[in-house]
Amino acid sequence: MPNAKVLAQKQAIVSELADKMRNASAGVFVDYKGITVEADTKLRAELRKAGVEYSVVKNTLTRFAANEVGFNELDPILNGTTALALGMDDPIAPAKLIVDFAKKNEKVFKIKAGFIEGKVVDVETIKSIGELPSKDVLLATVLGTLNAPIAALARALNAIAEKQGAPAEAAETPAEA
């Protein structure tokens, strides 16, 4: 039985990890066995730039935290070498970066499972989410789609104005004095 000080420290770690998991929009668990220091450093830098928190976690403490949050389905994957990437704002960022890295380092870096918006998801779901374009690209696509009818209307009105003999530029610019 661990002494009271060690037990209190572990309980604090579990509580902090459970809060992070509860507040994260997404998380990805990976097996990093055999990764080089150079590759790990590069991965951590990319994740940090994207606002993703990445840390190696003790399986037992993570199991307690996951169970506290209600992620009991994660129990079977919490063995061996485990790291956790947590995205607080963008749910796609951790999956995207981890999936890209796993493709380049498939012999030593494997995705175990994850969670998104409070639901535990399997490896295939993480991979499919990792293949999605980034949030900015998706927003630009939506805005472009919304803007397309307006732009088409503007072009049609411009063509009508030119057909009736008034150059579009003259109608838009004030006359010089």
C-alpha atoms as a PDB file:
ATOM      1  CA  MET A   1       0.000   0.000   0.000  1.00  0.00           C
ATOM      2  CA  PRO A   2       1.529   3.352  -1.036  1.00  0.00           C
ATOM      3  CA  ASN A   3       1.980   5.988   1.591  1.00  0.00           C
ATOM      4  CA  ALA A   4      -0.535   8.825   1.903  1.00  0.00           C
ATOM      5  CA  LYS A   5       1.683  11.399   0.167  1.00  0.00           C
ATOM      6  CA  VAL A   6       2.221   9.237  -2.937  1.00  0.00           C
ATOM      7  CA  LEU A   7      -1.454   8.305  -3.019  1.00  0.00           C
ATOM      8  CA  ALA A   8      -2.468  11.980  -2.821  1.00  0.00           C
ATOM      9  CA  GLN A   9      -0.090  12.819  -5.695  1.00  0.00           C
ATOM     10  CA  LYS A  10      -1.528  10.048  -7.851  1.00  0.00           C
ATOM     11  CA  GLN A  11      -5.090  11.117  -7.064  1.00  0.00           C
ATOM     12  CA  ALA A  12      -4.199  14.673  -8.092  1.00  0.00           C
ATOM     13  CA  ILE A  13      -2.738  13.400 -11.389  1.00  0.00           C
ATOM     14  CA  VAL A  14      -5.861  11.316 -12.073  1.00  0.00           C
ATOM     15  CA  SER A  15      -8.127  14.258 -11.259  1.00  0.00           C
ATOM     16  CA  GLU A  16      -6.153  16.631 -13.503  1.00  0.00           C
ATOM     17  CA  LEU A  17      -6.084  14.131 -16.382  1.00  0.00           C
ATOM     18  CA  ALA A  18      -9.824  13.456 -16.019  1.00  0.00           C
ATOM     19  CA  ASP A  19     -10.513  17.215 -16.183  1.00  0.00           C
ATOM     20  CA  LYS A  20      -8.371  17.545 -19.301  1.00  0.00           C
ATOM     21  CA  MET A  21     -10.139  14.610 -20.957  1.00  0.00           C
ATOM     22  CA  ARG A  22     -13.537  15.998 -19.976  1.00  0.00           C
ATOM     23  CA  ASN A  23     -12.731  19.457 -21.401  1.00  0.00           C
ATOM     24  CA  ALA A  24     -10.941  18.278 -24.543  1.00  0.00           C
ATOM     25  CA  SER A  25     -12.802  18.302 -27.829  1.00  0.00           C
ATOM     26  CA  ALA A  26     -10.786  15.259 -28.942  1.00  0.00           C
ATOM     27  CA  GLY A  27      -8.062  12.894 -27.822  1.00  0.00           C
ATOM     28  CA  VAL A  28      -5.997  10.226 -29.542  1.00  0.00           C
ATOM     29  CA  PHE A  29      -4.167   7.387 -27.767  1.00  0.00           C
ATOM     30  CA  VAL A  30      -1.070   6.025 -29.496  1.00  0.00           C
ATOM     31  CA  ASP A  31       1.552   3.341 -29.018  1.00  0.00           C
ATOM     32  CA  TYR A  32       4.917   4.993 -29.601  1.00  0.00           C
ATOM     33  CA  LYS A  33       7.211   2.017 -28.955  1.00  0.00           C
ATOM     34  CA  GLY A  34      10.454   2.376 -30.876  1.00  0.00           C
ATOM     35  CA  ILE A  35      10.082   6.028 -31.911  1.00  0.00           C
ATOM     36  CA  THR A  36      13.336   7.964 -32.141  1.00  0.00           C
ATOM     37  CA  VAL A  37      13.994  11.037 -30.037  1.00  0.00           C
ATOM     38  CA  GLU A  38      14.303  13.115 -33.209  1.00  0.00           C
ATOM     39  CA  ALA A  39      10.927  11.951 -34.549  1.00  0.00           C
ATOM     40  CA  ASP A  40       9.278  12.443 -31.155  1.00  0.00           C
ATOM     41  CA  THR A  41      10.665  15.975 -30.864  1.00  0.00           C
ATOM     42  CA  LYS A  42       9.418  16.822 -34.358  1.00  0.00           C
ATOM     43  CA  LEU A  43       5.952  15.416 -33.564  1.00  0.00           C
ATOM     44  CA  ARG A  44       5.737  17.343 -30.294  1.00  0.00           C
ATOM     45  CA  ALA A  45       6.683  20.595 -32.063  1.00  0.00           C
ATOM     46  CA  GLU A  46       3.976  20.101 -34.718  1.00  0.00           C
ATOM     47  CA  LEU A  47       1.363  19.269 -32.091  1.00  0.00           C
ATOM     48  CA  ARG A  48       2.351  22.260 -29.954  1.00  0.00           C
ATOM     49  CA  LYS A  49       1.984  24.606 -32.967  1.00  0.00           C
ATOM     50  CA  ALA A  50      -1.544  23.259 -33.524  1.00  0.00           C
ATOM     51  CA  GLY A  51      -2.494  23.740 -29.867  1.00  0.00           C
ATOM     52  CA  VAL A  52      -2.542  20.012 -29.136  1.00  0.00           C
ATOM     53  CA  GLU A  53      -1.239  18.781 -25.781  1.00  0.00           C
ATOM     54  CA  TYR A  54       0.819  15.582 -26.097  1.00  0.00           C
ATOM     55  CA  SER A  55       2.138  13.562 -23.188  1.00  0.00           C
ATOM     56  CA  VAL A  56       3.166  10.076 -22.221  1.00  0.00           C
ATOM     57  CA  VAL A  57       0.689   8.702 -19.720  1.00  0.00           C
ATOM     58  CA  LYS A  58       0.790   5.930 -17.160  1.00  0.00           C
ATOM     59  CA  ASN A  59      -1.781   3.332 -18.133  1.00  0.00           C
ATOM     60  CA  THR A  60      -3.100   2.722 -14.617  1.00  0.00           C
ATOM     61  CA  LEU A  61      -3.609   6.415 -13.869  1.00  0.00           C
ATOM     62  CA  THR A  62      -5.123   6.984 -17.313  1.00  0.00           C
ATOM     63  CA  ARG A  63      -7.493   4.064 -16.774  1.00  0.00           C
ATOM     64  CA  PHE A  64      -8.726   5.645 -13.527  1.00  0.00           C
ATOM     65  CA  ALA A  65      -9.145   9.035 -15.250  1.00  0.00           C
ATOM     66  CA  ALA A  66     -10.919   7.501 -18.259  1.00  0.00           C
ATOM     67  CA  ASN A  67     -13.295   5.583 -16.009  1.00  0.00           C
ATOM     68  CA  GLU A  68     -14.007   8.760 -14.042  1.00  0.00           C
ATOM     69  CA  VAL A  69     -14.973  10.509 -17.299  1.00  0.00           C
ATOM     70  CA  GLY A  70     -17.043   7.526 -18.449  1.00  0.00           C
ATOM     71  CA  PHE A  71     -14.658   6.188 -21.105  1.00  0.00           C
ATOM     72  CA  ASN A  72     -14.650   2.608 -19.780  1.00  0.00           C
ATOM     73  CA  GLU A  73     -14.304   1.312 -23.380  1.00  0.00           C
ATOM     74  CA  LEU A  74     -10.668   2.471 -23.312  1.00  0.00           C
ATOM     75  CA  ASP A  75      -9.617  -0.106 -20.683  1.00  0.00           C
ATOM     76  CA  PRO A  76      -8.463  -2.765 -23.197  1.00  0.00           C
ATOM     77  CA  ILE A  77      -6.123  -0.382 -25.056  1.00  0.00           C
ATOM     78  CA  LEU A  78      -4.412   1.004 -21.968  1.00  0.00           C
ATOM     79  CA  ASN A  79      -1.393  -1.288 -21.939  1.00  0.00           C
ATOM     80  CA  GLY A  80       2.135  -1.076 -23.273  1.00  0.00           C
ATOM     81  CA  THR A  81       3.609   2.274 -24.212  1.00  0.00           C
ATOM     82  CA  THR A  82       0.850   4.875 -24.358  1.00  0.00           C
ATOM     83  CA  ALA A  83       0.823   8.563 -25.217  1.00  0.00           C
ATOM     84  CA  LEU A  84      -2.166  10.869 -25.422  1.00  0.00           C
ATOM     85  CA  ALA A  85      -2.725  13.824 -27.754  1.00  0.00           C
ATOM     86  CA  LEU A  86      -5.469  16.173 -26.514  1.00  0.00           C
ATOM     87  CA  GLY A  87      -7.033  18.896 -28.632  1.00  0.00           C
ATOM     88  CA  MET A  88      -8.908  21.490 -26.633  1.00  0.00           C
ATOM     89  CA  ASP A  89     -10.352  23.632 -29.440  1.00  0.00           C
ATOM     90  CA  ASP A  90     -10.140  21.861 -32.782  1.00  0.00           C
ATOM     91  CA  PRO A  91     -11.373  18.242 -32.690  1.00  0.00           C
ATOM     92  CA  ILE A  92      -9.742  17.489 -36.046  1.00  0.00           C
ATOM     93  CA  ALA A  93      -6.222  18.724 -35.210  1.00  0.00           C
ATOM     94  CA  PRO A  94      -5.033  15.848 -32.975  1.00  0.00           C
ATOM     95  CA  ALA A  95      -6.404  13.174 -35.315  1.00  0.00           C
ATOM     96  CA  LYS A  96      -5.006  14.868 -38.422  1.00  0.00           C
ATOM     97  CA  LEU A  97      -1.502  15.342 -37.043  1.00  0.00           C
ATOM     98  CA  ILE A  98      -1.334  11.893 -35.435  1.00  0.00           C
ATOM     99  CA  VAL A  99      -2.650  10.143 -38.570  1.00  0.00           C
ATOM    100  CA  ASP A 100      -0.128  11.981 -40.774  1.00  0.00           C
ATOM    101  CA  PHE A 101       2.703  11.088 -38.408  1.00  0.00           C
ATOM    102  CA  ALA A 102       1.555   7.467 -38.113  1.00  0.00           C
ATOM    103  CA  LYS A 103       1.611   7.091 -41.914  1.00  0.00           C
ATOM    104  CA  LYS A 104       5.239   8.209 -42.021  1.00  0.00           C
ATOM    105  CA  ASN A 105       6.253   6.048 -39.025  1.00  0.00           C
ATOM    106  CA  GLU A 106       3.912   3.072 -39.270  1.00  0.00           C
ATOM    107  CA  LYS A 107       6.412   0.522 -37.918  1.00  0.00           C
ATOM    108  CA  VAL A 108       6.907   2.312 -34.589  1.00  0.00           C
ATOM    109  CA  PHE A 109       3.836   4.511 -34.118  1.00  0.00           C
ATOM    110  CA  LYS A 110       0.347   3.023 -33.934  1.00  0.00           C
ATOM    111  CA  ILE A 111      -3.001   4.594 -33.144  1.00  0.00           C
ATOM    112  CA  LYS A 112      -4.851   2.719 -30.385  1.00  0.00           C
ATOM    113  CA  ALA A 113      -8.163   4.591 -30.040  1.00  0.00           C
ATOM    114  CA  GLY A 114      -9.512   7.996 -29.191  1.00  0.00           C
ATOM    115  CA  PHE A 115     -12.474  10.101 -28.229  1.00  0.00           C
ATOM    116  CA  ILE A 116     -14.271  12.984 -29.878  1.00  0.00           C
ATOM    117  CA  GLU A 117     -16.795  15.273 -28.237  1.00  0.00           C
ATOM    118  CA  GLY A 118     -17.277  12.884 -25.306  1.00  0.00           C
ATOM    119  CA  LYS A 119     -17.608   9.661 -27.330  1.00  0.00           C
ATOM    120  CA  VAL A 120     -15.001   6.901 -27.555  1.00  0.00           C
ATOM    121  CA  VAL A 121     -14.083   6.074 -31.166  1.00  0.00           C
ATOM    122  CA  ASP A 122     -12.038   3.322 -32.789  1.00  0.00           C
ATOM    123  CA  VAL A 123      -8.896   3.512 -34.921  1.00  0.00           C
ATOM    124  CA  GLU A 124     -10.804   3.609 -38.230  1.00  0.00           C
ATOM    125  CA  THR A 125     -12.847   6.604 -37.092  1.00  0.00           C
ATOM    126  CA  ILE A 126      -9.692   8.428 -36.009  1.00  0.00           C
ATOM    127  CA  LYS A 127      -8.113   7.692 -39.394  1.00  0.00           C
ATOM    128  CA  SER A 128     -11.165   8.908 -41.316  1.00  0.00           C
ATOM    129  CA  ILE A 129     -11.272  12.109 -39.266  1.00  0.00           C
ATOM    130  CA  GLY A 130      -7.535  12.535 -39.803  1.00  0.00           C
ATOM    131  CA  GLU A 131      -8.133  12.488 -43.553  1.00  0.00           C
ATOM    132  CA  LEU A 132     -10.553  15.434 -43.350  1.00  0.00           C
ATOM    133  CA  PRO A 133      -9.293  18.852 -44.402  1.00  0.00           C
ATOM    134  CA  SER A 134      -8.384  21.269 -41.630  1.00  0.00           C
ATOM    135  CA  LYS A 135     -10.997  23.460 -39.957  1.00  0.00           C
ATOM    136  CA  ASP A 136      -9.833  26.524 -41.915  1.00  0.00           C
ATOM    137  CA  VAL A 137     -10.108  24.685 -45.240  1.00  0.00           C
ATOM    138  CA  LEU A 138     -13.586  23.417 -44.348  1.00  0.00           C
ATOM    139  CA  LEU A 139     -14.703  26.935 -43.359  1.00  0.00           C
ATOM    140  CA  ALA A 140     -13.271  28.385 -46.575  1.00  0.00           C
ATOM    141  CA  THR A 141     -15.105  25.733 -48.593  1.00  0.00           C
ATOM    142  CA  VAL A 142     -18.411  26.502 -46.870  1.00  0.00           C
ATOM    143  CA  LEU A 143     -17.931  30.252 -47.294  1.00  0.00           C
ATOM    144  CA  GLY A 144     -16.985  29.766 -50.945  1.00  0.00           C
ATOM    145  CA  THR A 145     -20.117  27.696 -51.469  1.00  0.00           C
ATOM    146  CA  LEU A 146     -22.255  30.354 -49.811  1.00  0.00           C
ATOM    147  CA  ASN A 147     -20.542  33.109 -51.807  1.00  0.00           C
ATOM    148  CA  ALA A 148     -20.928  31.365 -55.197  1.00  0.00           C
ATOM    149  CA  PRO A 149     -24.587  32.326 -55.845  1.00  0.00           C
ATOM    150  CA  ILE A 150     -23.898  35.950 -54.931  1.00  0.00           C
ATOM    151  CA  ALA A 151     -20.872  36.073 -57.229  1.00  0.00           C
ATOM    152  CA  ALA A 152     -22.885  34.483 -60.046  1.00  0.00           C
ATOM    153  CA  LEU A 153     -25.627  37.090 -59.581  1.00  0.00           C
ATOM    154  CA  ALA A 154     -23.053  39.894 -59.688  1.00  0.00           C
ATOM    155  CA  ARG A 155     -21.575  38.509 -62.926  1.00  0.00           C
ATOM    156  CA  ALA A 156     -25.048  38.178 -64.467  1.00  0.00           C
ATOM    157  CA  LEU A 157     -25.961  41.757 -63.540  1.00  0.00           C
ATOM    158  CA  ASN A 158     -22.635  42.957 -64.906  1.00  0.00           C
ATOM    159  CA  ALA A 159     -23.275  41.116 -68.186  1.00  0.00           C
ATOM    160  CA  ILE A 160     -26.764  42.671 -68.467  1.00  0.00           C
ATOM    161  CA  ALA A 161     -25.361  46.142 -67.813  1.00  0.00           C
ATOM    162  CA  GLU A 162     -22.645  45.664 -70.452  1.00  0.00           C
ATOM    163  CA  LYS A 163     -25.213  44.291 -72.931  1.00  0.00           C
ATOM    164  CA  GLN A 164     -27.309  47.444 -72.538  1.00  0.00           C
ATOM    165  CA  GLY A 165     -24.327  49.582 -73.433  1.00  0.00           C
ATOM    166  CA  ALA A 166     -23.146  50.819 -70.067  1.00  0.00           C
ATOM    167  CA  PRO A 167     -19.672  49.657 -69.145  1.00  0.00           C
ATOM    168  CA  ALA A 168     -19.719  48.134 -65.662  1.00  0.00           C
ATOM    169  CA  GLU A 169     -16.633  50.054 -64.542  1.00  0.00           C
ATOM    170  CA  ALA A 170     -18.230  53.394 -65.425  1.00  0.00           C
ATOM    171  CA  ALA A 171     -21.302  52.595 -63.388  1.00  0.00           C
ATOM    172  CA  GLU A 172     -19.194  51.663 -60.374  1.00  0.00           C
ATOM    173  CA  THR A 173     -16.651  54.512 -60.337  1.00  0.00           C
ATOM    174  CA  PRO A 174     -17.597  58.133 -59.716  1.00  0.00           C
ATOM    175  CA  ALA A 175     -17.053  60.570 -62.597  1.00  0.00           C
ATOM    176  CA  GLU A 176     -13.854  62.560 -62.427  1.00  0.00           C
ATOM    177  CA  ALA A 177     -14.259  66.307 -62.118  1.00  0.00           C
END
